């Protein structure tokens, strides 16, 4: 009985002290993070037939918060693959990209903000087919998006965002827009 009372008092103390620990994020400084998401290739089904035009994506990034409204961010993202089949033909495209973005934030309430991003990417698309062989295409273009961020503590935040990579690909294959819906965790230094 005493252990359960002690456990309840400890939990209550933790809940009461959490808001004090959850101070605003630093207005300037370095941050790093990573996230998971779902990519969607707009023109990923080149053959018709059966199609899987989305995949799990992984993103890692680092940035510098210049002030409470503006940050610069550098990142790497594995956007996964899109695969289509028709008859005995198969076409699979895998995409990875490096990106550099400006991130603008607008605080809504104490620890919650909305943000937008605009930048450039450099992508490598590997296409594997059983009818024209394998090829690799690299290109760069624009990336942009928007999302929301919540600061749990002075150093820990989570954000959700929708980001587009415009006109990925090239060479003999069709360029495609790729959308990424992701949740990321940030650590501010």
Foldseek 3Di string as FASTA:
>chain_A
DVVVVVVVVVVVVCVVCQVVQAAEADFWAKKWKKWKWKKFWPCLAVPPADKDGMDIKIKIKMWIRPGNFKIKMKIKMFRQKIWYDDDHKIKMKTKIKIWIWMKTWDDDDRFKIKIKIKTKMKMKIWMAIPPPGIDIFIDMDMKMWIWMKGRSGRFKIKIWIKMKGPQGDDDPDGTTIMIITIMMMMGGD
